[in-house]
Protein backbone atom coordinates (compact mmCIF):
# COMPACT_ATOMS: atom_id res chain seq x y z
CA LYS A 1 127.56 101.28 125.68
CA MET A 2 123.97 99.86 125.20
CA ALA A 3 122.71 103.17 123.74
CA GLU A 4 125.62 103.26 121.27
CA ARG A 5 124.86 99.66 120.08
CA LEU A 6 121.21 100.53 119.64
CA LEU A 7 122.08 103.67 117.65
CA GLU A 8 124.41 101.62 115.39
CA LYS A 9 121.66 99.05 114.84
CA ALA A 10 119.13 101.82 114.02
CA LYS A 11 121.55 103.29 111.43
CA ARG A 12 121.55 99.98 109.58
CA LEU A 13 117.78 99.72 109.25
CA ARG A 14 116.05 100.65 106.09
CA TYR A 15 113.41 103.28 106.27
CA GLN A 16 110.35 104.04 104.14
CA ASP A 17 108.03 106.95 104.77
CA GLY A 18 109.69 107.50 108.10
CA ARG A 19 109.04 103.93 109.33
CA ALA A 20 111.68 101.25 110.00
CA MET A 21 111.56 98.31 107.59
CA PHE A 22 112.78 95.35 109.68
CA SER A 23 114.40 92.45 107.89
CA GLY A 24 112.10 89.59 107.09
CA MET A 25 109.17 91.63 108.35
CA TRP A 26 106.77 93.88 106.47
CA HIS A 27 107.29 93.85 102.71
CA PRO A 28 108.00 97.34 101.22
CA ASP A 29 105.12 96.95 98.76
CA MET A 30 102.73 96.95 101.66
CA PHE A 31 103.19 100.67 102.16
CA THR A 32 102.40 101.68 98.53
CA ASP A 33 99.30 102.09 96.32
CA LYS A 34 99.93 98.46 95.15
CA LEU A 35 98.19 97.31 98.35
CA ARG A 36 95.88 100.21 98.76
CA ASN A 37 94.42 99.56 95.29
CA LEU A 38 94.06 95.80 95.68
CA GLU A 39 90.67 94.79 94.37
CA ILE A 40 88.48 93.61 97.20
CA TYR A 41 85.40 91.33 96.60
CA LYS A 42 82.26 91.31 98.61
CA ASP A 43 82.96 87.80 99.92
CA ASP A 44 86.54 88.43 100.95
CA VAL A 45 87.32 88.21 104.64
CA TYR A 46 89.57 90.85 106.14
CA PHE A 47 90.75 89.81 109.62
CA SER A 48 92.86 92.19 111.62
CA GLY A 49 94.12 91.96 115.15
CA TYR A 50 97.03 92.76 117.47
CA MET A 51 99.81 90.26 117.61
CA ARG A 52 99.20 87.53 120.20
CA SER A 53 95.50 88.43 120.43
CA GLY A 54 94.00 85.19 119.02
CA THR A 55 94.21 86.05 115.33
CA PHE A 56 95.21 82.52 114.34
CA ILE A 57 92.44 80.68 116.27
CA GLY A 58 89.89 83.27 115.02
CA LEU A 59 90.89 82.60 111.44
CA GLU A 60 90.78 78.87 111.92
CA MET A 61 87.11 79.30 113.07
CA VAL A 62 86.24 81.49 110.13
CA GLN A 63 87.74 78.92 107.77
CA LEU A 64 85.69 76.18 109.32
CA VAL A 65 82.52 78.22 108.81
CA LEU A 66 83.49 78.99 105.13
CA ASN A 67 84.28 75.31 104.45
CA ASN A 68 81.24 73.83 106.18
CA ALA A 69 83.39 72.47 109.00
CA ASP A 70 85.45 70.36 106.55
CA ILE A 71 88.16 69.24 108.94
CA GLU A 72 89.87 67.09 106.33
CA TYR A 73 90.43 70.31 104.18
CA MET A 74 91.94 72.03 107.23
CA TYR A 75 94.33 69.10 107.83
CA LYS A 76 95.37 68.63 104.23
CA THR A 77 95.83 72.31 103.21
CA SER A 78 98.68 74.30 104.64
CA VAL A 79 97.57 77.36 106.75
CA HIS A 80 99.67 79.52 104.39
CA ASP A 81 97.64 78.30 101.40
CA ARG A 82 94.34 78.94 103.15
CA GLN A 83 94.96 82.49 104.22
CA SER A 84 96.99 85.40 102.96
CA HIS A 85 99.16 87.62 105.20
CA LEU A 86 98.89 91.11 103.78
CA LEU A 87 102.21 92.44 105.08
CA LEU A 88 104.54 89.57 104.45
CA SER A 89 106.05 87.70 101.50
CA ARG A 90 105.23 84.12 101.41
CA ASP A 91 109.06 83.53 101.27
CA VAL A 92 109.25 84.41 104.97
CA PHE A 93 107.63 81.13 105.84
CA VAL A 94 110.25 79.02 103.86
CA PRO A 95 113.13 78.29 106.29
CA GLY A 96 116.47 79.48 104.84
CA LYS A 97 115.01 81.16 101.74
CA LEU A 98 115.68 84.75 102.85
CA GLY A 99 118.86 86.40 104.04
CA PRO A 100 118.74 88.56 107.15
CA TYR A 101 117.80 91.80 105.24
CA ASP A 102 115.74 90.25 102.47
CA HIS A 103 111.99 90.87 102.11
CA GLY A 104 111.33 88.20 99.48
CA GLU A 105 108.98 88.49 96.52
CA SER A 106 106.05 90.91 96.73
CA PRO A 107 102.93 89.19 98.03
CA ILE A 108 100.66 91.42 95.83
CA PRO A 109 100.61 89.14 92.68
CA TRP A 110 99.75 86.14 94.77
CA LEU A 111 97.07 88.01 96.64
CA THR A 112 95.64 89.34 93.34
CA ASN A 113 95.47 85.90 91.70
CA ARG A 114 93.63 84.17 94.49
CA LYS A 115 90.00 83.28 93.82
CA PRO A 116 87.31 84.57 96.20
CA PRO A 117 86.52 84.13 98.91
CA ARG A 118 90.03 85.16 100.02
CA ILE A 119 90.97 85.50 103.67
CA PHE A 120 93.32 88.26 104.40
CA LYS A 121 95.14 88.37 107.76
CA THR A 122 97.10 91.41 109.02
CA HIS A 123 98.51 92.89 112.14
CA GLY A 124 99.00 96.17 110.24
CA LEU A 125 97.51 99.57 110.91
CA TYR A 126 94.18 100.61 109.34
CA GLU A 127 95.93 103.17 107.27
CA TYR A 128 97.58 100.34 105.33
CA ALA A 129 94.39 98.47 104.55
CA PRO A 130 93.22 98.22 100.90
CA TYR A 131 90.75 100.85 99.96
CA GLY A 132 88.43 98.36 98.25
């Protein structure tokens, strides 16, 4: 029975380039040339790590260095406005905004319009990193 339920669930998943696209997870634009051709500036910070490996605390320390240890800035500015997740739409972080199989708006325009130095966070594979 369990195998049958898993098979049925797998049939309902969306796939792109042979990879499962989980609802509310990776945005489909992240597997296209839109991300690969994202312009990267010399002062951008690209921070990658495995999930649950200390990515968040590492990014907080990087932001303190970039902002001359301005604790007030860190308190007043949402973490989602200070850093950009490369694989997710910002809509994922708004409770109730997305349905169970929605990916939200593409994060590419928001990433493109940010002023340097930009901080990019990802748990994605190297093959999905911008070429910049």
